[in-house]
PDB file of N, CA and C in Angstrom:
ATOM      1  N   MET A   1      45.000  70.233  61.258  1.00  0.00           N
ATOM      2  CA  MET A   1      44.199  71.284  61.931  1.00  0.00           C
ATOM      3  C   MET A   1      42.753  71.059  61.402  1.00  0.00           C
ATOM      4  N   LEU A   2      42.566  70.811  60.161  1.00  0.00           N
ATOM      5  CA  LEU A   2      41.156  70.586  59.670  1.00  0.00           C
ATOM      6  C   LEU A   2      40.509  69.448  60.388  1.00  0.00           C
ATOM      7  N   SER A   3      41.290  68.391  60.697  1.00  0.00           N
ATOM      8  CA  SER A   3      40.722  67.237  61.361  1.00  0.00           C
ATOM      9  C   SER A   3      40.124  67.559  62.682  1.00  0.00           C
ATOM     10  N   GLU A   4      40.642  68.649  63.322  1.00  0.00           N
ATOM     11  CA  GLU A   4      40.084  69.036  64.598  1.00  0.00           C
ATOM     12  C   GLU A   4      38.848  70.000  64.450  1.00  0.00           C
ATOM     13  N   VAL A   5      38.829  70.754  63.369  1.00  0.00           N
ATOM     14  CA  VAL A   5      37.789  71.705  63.138  1.00  0.00           C
ATOM     15  C   VAL A   5      36.540  71.078  62.547  1.00  0.00           C
ATOM     16  N   LEU A   6      36.713  70.114  61.596  1.00  0.00           N
ATOM     17  CA  LEU A   6      35.570  69.524  60.864  1.00  0.00           C
ATOM     18  C   LEU A   6      34.598  68.892  61.752  1.00  0.00           C
ATOM     19  N   PRO A   7      34.993  68.115  62.756  1.00  0.00           N
ATOM     20  CA  PRO A   7      33.988  67.507  63.676  1.00  0.00           C
ATOM     21  C   PRO A   7      33.172  68.591  64.451  1.00  0.00           C
ATOM     22  N   TYR A   8      33.849  69.615  64.795  1.00  0.00           N
ATOM     23  CA  TYR A   8      33.167  70.820  65.482  1.00  0.00           C
ATOM     24  C   TYR A   8      32.107  71.383  64.551  1.00  0.00           C
ATOM     25  N   LEU A   9      32.351  71.482  63.337  1.00  0.00           N
ATOM     26  CA  LEU A   9      31.343  71.957  62.281  1.00  0.00           C
ATOM     27  C   LEU A   9      30.388  70.942  61.878  1.00  0.00           C
ATOM     28  N   GLU A  10      30.546  69.735  62.419  1.00  0.00           N
ATOM     29  CA  GLU A  10      29.696  68.575  62.133  1.00  0.00           C
ATOM     30  C   GLU A  10      29.774  68.157  60.660  1.00  0.00           C
ATOM     31  N   VAL A  11      31.037  68.274  60.125  1.00  0.00           N
ATOM     32  CA  VAL A  11      31.334  67.824  58.798  1.00  0.00           C
ATOM     33  C   VAL A  11      31.929  66.435  58.942  1.00  0.00           C
ATOM     34  N   LYS A  12      31.377  65.436  58.280  1.00  0.00           N
ATOM     35  CA  LYS A  12      31.850  64.118  58.363  1.00  0.00           C
ATOM     36  C   LYS A  12      32.870  63.832  57.262  1.00  0.00           C
ATOM     37  N   ARG A  13      33.858  63.028  57.597  1.00  0.00           N
ATOM     38  CA  ARG A  13      34.912  62.589  56.613  1.00  0.00           C
ATOM     39  C   ARG A  13      34.266  61.645  55.659  1.00  0.00           C
ATOM     40  N   GLU A  14      34.653  61.765  54.376  1.00  0.00           N
ATOM     41  CA  GLU A  14      34.214  60.798  53.336  1.00  0.00           C
ATOM     42  C   GLU A  14      35.211  59.681  53.224  1.00  0.00           C
ATOM     43  N   ASN A  15      36.484  59.946  53.562  1.00  0.00           N
ATOM     44  CA  ASN A  15      37.543  58.936  53.375  1.00  0.00           C
ATOM     45  C   ASN A  15      38.123  58.654  54.694  1.00  0.00           C
ATOM     46  N   ASN A  16      37.844  57.484  55.277  1.00  0.00           N
ATOM     47  CA  ASN A  16      38.379  57.099  56.551  1.00  0.00           C
ATOM     48  C   ASN A  16      39.657  56.257  56.342  1.00  0.00           C
ATOM     49  N   ASP A  17      40.092  56.048  55.169  1.00  0.00           N
ATOM     50  CA  ASP A  17      41.216  55.205  54.848  1.00  0.00           C
ATOM     51  C   ASP A  17      42.546  56.013  54.784  1.00  0.00           C
ATOM     52  N   ILE A  18      42.762  56.916  55.719  1.00  0.00           N
ATOM     53  CA  ILE A  18      43.921  57.752  55.731  1.00  0.00           C
ATOM     54  C   ILE A  18      45.091  56.870  56.218  1.00  0.00           C
ATOM     55  N   THR A  19      46.127  56.871  55.412  1.00  0.00           N
ATOM     56  CA  THR A  19      47.263  56.015  55.799  1.00  0.00           C
ATOM     57  C   THR A  19      48.335  56.829  56.477  1.00  0.00           C
ATOM     58  N   GLU A  20      49.001  56.226  57.409  1.00  0.00           N
ATOM     59  CA  GLU A  20      50.079  56.765  58.193  1.00  0.00           C
ATOM     60  C   GLU A  20      51.354  56.738  57.374  1.00  0.00           C
ATOM     61  N   THR A  21      52.132  57.785  57.443  1.00  0.00           N
ATOM     62  CA  THR A  21      53.521  57.703  56.791  1.00  0.00           C
ATOM     63  C   THR A  21      54.527  57.410  57.890  1.00  0.00           C
ATOM     64  N   ILE A  22      55.506  56.600  57.478  1.00  0.00           N
ATOM     65  CA  ILE A  22      56.510  56.154  58.396  1.00  0.00           C
ATOM     66  C   ILE A  22      57.879  56.405  57.776  1.00  0.00           C
ATOM     67  N   GLU A  23      58.797  56.860  58.593  1.00  0.00           N
ATOM     68  CA  GLU A  23      60.186  57.041  58.164  1.00  0.00           C
ATOM     69  C   GLU A  23      60.866  55.697  58.240  1.00  0.00           C
ATOM     70  N   VAL A  24      61.465  55.281  57.134  1.00  0.00           N
ATOM     71  CA  VAL A  24      62.191  54.030  57.089  1.00  0.00           C
ATOM     72  C   VAL A  24      63.426  54.080  57.931  1.00  0.00           C
ATOM     73  N   PRO A  25      63.597  53.188  58.883  1.00  0.00           N
ATOM     74  CA  PRO A  25      64.793  53.213  59.741  1.00  0.00           C
ATOM     75  C   PRO A  25      66.033  52.580  59.003  1.00  0.00           C
ATOM     76  N   ASN A  26      67.158  52.856  59.552  1.00  0.00           N
ATOM     77  CA  ASN A  26      68.407  52.258  58.981  1.00  0.00           C
ATOM     78  C   ASN A  26      68.496  50.857  59.614  1.00  0.00           C
ATOM     79  N   ILE A  27      68.398  49.826  58.744  1.00  0.00           N
ATOM     80  CA  ILE A  27      68.442  48.463  59.277  1.00  0.00           C
ATOM     81  C   ILE A  27      69.623  47.683  58.639  1.00  0.00           C
ATOM     82  N   GLU A  28      70.442  48.416  57.853  1.00  0.00           N
ATOM     83  CA  GLU A  28      71.673  47.777  57.361  1.00  0.00           C
ATOM     84  C   GLU A  28      72.596  47.471  58.431  1.00  0.00           C
ATOM     85  N   GLY A  29      73.148  46.188  58.392  1.00  0.00           N
ATOM     86  CA  GLY A  29      74.078  45.741  59.453  1.00  0.00           C
ATOM     87  C   GLY A  29      73.379  44.900  60.474  1.00  0.00           C
ATOM     88  N   LEU A  30      72.090  44.820  60.418  1.00  0.00           N
ATOM     89  CA  LEU A  30      71.307  43.920  61.331  1.00  0.00           C
ATOM     90  C   LEU A  30      71.114  42.622  60.711  1.00  0.00           C
ATOM     91  N   THR A  31      70.744  41.610  61.413  1.00  0.00           N
ATOM     92  CA  THR A  31      70.352  40.316  60.775  1.00  0.00           C
ATOM     93  C   THR A  31      69.030  40.484  60.146  1.00  0.00           C
ATOM     94  N   PHE A  32      68.691  39.670  59.191  1.00  0.00           N
ATOM     95  CA  PHE A  32      67.374  39.738  58.580  1.00  0.00           C
ATOM     96  C   PHE A  32      66.294  39.526  59.603  1.00  0.00           C
ATOM     97  N   THR A  33      66.463  38.652  60.558  1.00  0.00           N
ATOM     98  CA  THR A  33      65.490  38.400  61.593  1.00  0.00           C
ATOM     99  C   THR A  33      65.228  39.650  62.377  1.00  0.00           C
ATOM    100  N   GLU A  34      66.317  40.352  62.842  1.00  0.00           N
ATOM    101  CA  GLU A  34      66.147  41.616  63.561  1.00  0.00           C
ATOM    102  C   GLU A  34      65.480  42.695  62.764  1.00  0.00           C
ATOM    103  N   ALA A  35      65.947  42.820  61.486  1.00  0.00           N
ATOM    104  CA  ALA A  35      65.322  43.862  60.631  1.00  0.00           C
ATOM    105  C   ALA A  35      63.825  43.600  60.394  1.00  0.00           C
ATOM    106  N   LYS A  36      63.523  42.337  60.173  1.00  0.00           N
ATOM    107  CA  LYS A  36      62.076  42.041  59.898  1.00  0.00           C
ATOM    108  C   LYS A  36      61.219  42.363  61.078  1.00  0.00           C
ATOM    109  N   LYS A  37      61.679  42.064  62.293  1.00  0.00           N
ATOM    110  CA  LYS A  37      60.988  42.380  63.504  1.00  0.00           C
ATOM    111  C   LYS A  37      60.772  43.899  63.662  1.00  0.00           C
ATOM    112  N   ILE A  38      61.805  44.707  63.419  1.00  0.00           N
ATOM    113  CA  ILE A  38      61.693  46.139  63.522  1.00  0.00           C
ATOM    114  C   ILE A  38      60.672  46.670  62.496  1.00  0.00           C
ATOM    115  N   LEU A  39      60.824  46.230  61.276  1.00  0.00           N
ATOM    116  CA  LEU A  39      60.002  46.743  60.213  1.00  0.00           C
ATOM    117  C   LEU A  39      58.536  46.359  60.429  1.00  0.00           C
ATOM    118  N   ASN A  40      58.295  45.105  60.834  1.00  0.00           N
ATOM    119  CA  ASN A  40      56.907  44.642  61.117  1.00  0.00           C
ATOM    120  C   ASN A  40      56.254  45.402  62.237  1.00  0.00           C
ATOM    121  N   GLU A  41      57.034  45.760  63.285  1.00  0.00           N
ATOM    122  CA  GLU A  41      56.517  46.535  64.400  1.00  0.00           C
ATOM    123  C   GLU A  41      56.109  47.981  63.954  1.00  0.00           C
ATOM    124  N   LEU A  42      56.773  48.505  62.908  1.00  0.00           N
ATOM    125  CA  LEU A  42      56.383  49.759  62.389  1.00  0.00           C
ATOM    126  C   LEU A  42      55.194  49.757  61.432  1.00  0.00           C
ATOM    127  N   GLY A  43      54.732  48.491  61.123  1.00  0.00           N
ATOM    128  CA  GLY A  43      53.660  48.342  60.206  1.00  0.00           C
ATOM    129  C   GLY A  43      54.056  48.259  58.706  1.00  0.00           C
ATOM    130  N   LEU A  44      55.293  47.856  58.462  1.00  0.00           N
ATOM    131  CA  LEU A  44      55.842  47.702  57.172  1.00  0.00           C
ATOM    132  C   LEU A  44      55.945  46.218  56.796  1.00  0.00           C
ATOM    133  N   GLU A  45      55.789  45.942  55.566  1.00  0.00           N
ATOM    134  CA  GLU A  45      55.996  44.551  55.049  1.00  0.00           C
ATOM    135  C   GLU A  45      57.431  44.426  54.621  1.00  0.00           C
ATOM    136  N   VAL A  46      57.940  43.190  54.706  1.00  0.00           N
ATOM    137  CA  VAL A  46      59.308  42.906  54.452  1.00  0.00           C
ATOM    138  C   VAL A  46      59.428  41.949  53.231  1.00  0.00           C
ATOM    139  N   GLN A  47      60.224  42.221  52.291  1.00  0.00           N
ATOM    140  CA  GLN A  47      60.451  41.359  51.193  1.00  0.00           C
ATOM    141  C   GLN A  47      61.974  40.951  51.229  1.00  0.00           C
ATOM    142  N   ILE A  48      62.122  39.622  51.314  1.00  0.00           N
ATOM    143  CA  ILE A  48      63.521  39.108  51.364  1.00  0.00           C
ATOM    144  C   ILE A  48      63.639  37.966  50.296  1.00  0.00           C
ATOM    145  N   ASP A  49      64.730  37.931  49.618  1.00  0.00           N
ATOM    146  CA  ASP A  49      64.992  36.877  48.602  1.00  0.00           C
ATOM    147  C   ASP A  49      64.955  35.534  49.331  1.00  0.00           C
ATOM    148  N   GLU A  50      64.275  34.553  48.730  1.00  0.00           N
ATOM    149  CA  GLU A  50      64.097  33.280  49.403  1.00  0.00           C
ATOM    150  C   GLU A  50      65.367  32.495  49.601  1.00  0.00           C
ATOM    151  N   ASN A  51      66.463  32.879  48.986  1.00  0.00           N
ATOM    152  CA  ASN A  51      67.758  32.167  49.132  1.00  0.00           C
ATOM    153  C   ASN A  51      68.610  32.794  50.273  1.00  0.00           C
ATOM    154  N   ILE A  52      68.072  33.768  50.911  1.00  0.00           N
ATOM    155  CA  ILE A  52      68.835  34.423  51.997  1.00  0.00           C
ATOM    156  C   ILE A  52      68.613  33.636  53.332  1.00  0.00           C
ATOM    157  N   GLU A  53      69.693  33.508  54.127  1.00  0.00           N
ATOM    158  CA  GLU A  53      69.526  32.927  55.450  1.00  0.00           C
ATOM    159  C   GLU A  53      69.189  34.063  56.377  1.00  0.00           C
ATOM    160  N   LEU A  54      68.218  33.781  57.289  1.00  0.00           N
ATOM    161  CA  LEU A  54      67.692  34.857  58.150  1.00  0.00           C
ATOM    162  C   LEU A  54      68.717  35.344  59.173  1.00  0.00           C
ATOM    163  N   GLU A  55      69.754  34.642  59.440  1.00  0.00           N
ATOM    164  CA  GLU A  55      70.782  35.094  60.394  1.00  0.00           C
ATOM    165  C   GLU A  55      71.932  35.810  59.667  1.00  0.00           C
ATOM    166  N   SER A  56      71.890  35.943  58.326  1.00  0.00           N
ATOM    167  CA  SER A  56      72.891  36.756  57.620  1.00  0.00           C
ATOM    168  C   SER A  56      72.537  38.185  57.805  1.00  0.00           C
ATOM    169  N   ILE A  57      73.501  39.069  57.418  1.00  0.00           N
ATOM    170  CA  ILE A  57      73.402  40.509  57.648  1.00  0.00           C
ATOM    171  C   ILE A  57      72.776  41.204  56.414  1.00  0.00           C
ATOM    172  N   VAL A  58      71.879  42.182  56.750  1.00  0.00           N
ATOM    173  CA  VAL A  58      71.343  43.052  55.718  1.00  0.00           C
ATOM    174  C   VAL A  58      72.437  44.045  55.162  1.00  0.00           C
ATOM    175  N   VAL A  59      72.702  43.980  53.908  1.00  0.00           N
ATOM    176  CA  VAL A  59      73.706  44.868  53.277  1.00  0.00           C
ATOM    177  C   VAL A  59      73.133  45.982  52.496  1.00  0.00           C
ATOM    178  N   GLU A  60      71.814  45.846  52.137  1.00  0.00           N
ATOM    179  CA  GLU A  60      71.179  46.929  51.364  1.00  0.00           C
ATOM    180  C   GLU A  60      69.671  46.882  51.714  1.00  0.00           C
ATOM    181  N   GLN A  61      69.101  48.043  51.664  1.00  0.00           N
ATOM    182  CA  GLN A  61      67.644  48.133  51.899  1.00  0.00           C
ATOM    183  C   GLN A  61      67.008  49.129  50.883  1.00  0.00           C
ATOM    184  N   ILE A  62      65.840  48.798  50.380  1.00  0.00           N
ATOM    185  CA  ILE A  62      65.153  49.685  49.433  1.00  0.00           C
ATOM    186  C   ILE A  62      63.743  49.808  49.950  1.00  0.00           C
ATOM    187  N   PRO A  63      63.232  51.032  50.229  1.00  0.00           N
ATOM    188  CA  PRO A  63      63.891  52.316  50.174  1.00  0.00           C
ATOM    189  C   PRO A  63      64.927  52.475  51.251  1.00  0.00           C
ATOM    190  N   LYS A  64      65.822  53.466  51.045  1.00  0.00           N
ATOM    191  CA  LYS A  64      66.887  53.754  51.945  1.00  0.00           C
ATOM    192  C   LYS A  64      66.291  54.357  53.229  1.00  0.00           C
ATOM    193  N   ASN A  65      67.116  54.348  54.340  1.00  0.00           N
ATOM    194  CA  ASN A  65      66.674  54.938  55.568  1.00  0.00           C
ATOM    195  C   ASN A  65      66.384  56.454  55.422  1.00  0.00           C
ATOM    196  N   GLY A  66      65.365  56.985  56.159  1.00  0.00           N
ATOM    197  CA  GLY A  66      65.062  58.343  56.136  1.00  0.00           C
ATOM    198  C   GLY A  66      63.979  58.682  55.174  1.00  0.00           C
ATOM    199  N   ILE A  67      63.627  57.753  54.249  1.00  0.00           N
ATOM    200  CA  ILE A  67      62.544  57.997  53.303  1.00  0.00           C
ATOM    201  C   ILE A  67      61.169  57.838  53.958  1.00  0.00           C
ATOM    202  N   GLN A  68      60.232  58.693  53.657  1.00  0.00           N
ATOM    203  CA  GLN A  68      58.824  58.554  54.195  1.00  0.00           C
ATOM    204  C   GLN A  68      58.060  57.710  53.238  1.00  0.00           C
ATOM    205  N   ILE A  69      57.463  56.636  53.817  1.00  0.00           N
ATOM    206  CA  ILE A  69      56.566  55.787  52.957  1.00  0.00           C
ATOM    207  C   ILE A  69      55.254  55.453  53.797  1.00  0.00           C
ATOM    208  N   ASN A  70      54.301  55.043  53.113  1.00  0.00           N
ATOM    209  CA  ASN A  70      52.996  54.725  53.717  1.00  0.00           C
ATOM    210  C   ASN A  70      53.115  53.392  54.571  1.00  0.00           C
ATOM    211  N   SER A  71      52.342  53.324  55.624  1.00  0.00           N
ATOM    212  CA  SER A  71      52.288  52.064  56.392  1.00  0.00           C
ATOM    213  C   SER A  71      51.791  51.016  55.442  1.00  0.00           C
ATOM    214  N   ASN A  72      52.187  49.746  55.747  1.00  0.00           N
ATOM    215  CA  ASN A  72      51.860  48.589  54.864  1.00  0.00           C
ATOM    216  C   ASN A  72      52.674  48.555  53.648  1.00  0.00           C
ATOM    217  N   SER A  73      53.597  49.487  53.400  1.00  0.00           N
ATOM    218  CA  SER A  73      54.447  49.421  52.232  1.00  0.00           C
ATOM    219  C   SER A  73      55.521  48.308  52.390  1.00  0.00           C
ATOM    220  N   LYS A  74      56.081  47.918  51.346  1.00  0.00           N
ATOM    221  CA  LYS A  74      57.164  46.879  51.311  1.00  0.00           C
ATOM    222  C   LYS A  74      58.504  47.537  51.408  1.00  0.00           C
ATOM    223  N   VAL A  75      59.385  46.854  52.179  1.00  0.00           N
ATOM    224  CA  VAL A  75      60.822  47.229  52.201  1.00  0.00           C
ATOM    225  C   VAL A  75      61.548  45.988  51.759  1.00  0.00           C
ATOM    226  N   LEU A  76      62.363  46.148  50.707  1.00  0.00           N
ATOM    227  CA  LEU A  76      63.195  45.087  50.163  1.00  0.00           C
ATOM    228  C   LEU A  76      64.530  45.038  50.890  1.00  0.00           C
ATOM    229  N   LEU A  77      64.874  43.830  51.379  1.00  0.00           N
ATOM    230  CA  LEU A  77      66.150  43.671  52.048  1.00  0.00           C
ATOM    231  C   LEU A  77      67.034  42.754  51.205  1.00  0.00           C
ATOM    232  N   LYS A  78      68.323  43.136  51.133  1.00  0.00           N
ATOM    233  CA  LYS A  78      69.272  42.304  50.380  1.00  0.00           C
ATOM    234  C   LYS A  78      70.500  42.086  51.326  1.00  0.00           C
TER     235      LYS A  78
END
């Protein structure tokens, strides 16, 4: 609400680096390739162990689905 009122009052923002929060989706059960595509489209970075084949299935994700995180945050896939 303040973001709508402040410009009307001619008050300028000092911090333009406001980050968006994103709810982490449930990607367990998808392939690493599918999961990476979904997370990247949401503006999240993906961290995968280099020994994982991209066509294998995600069995764990950190943070878990439903957690609110900032955009550009990392999601670890196992």
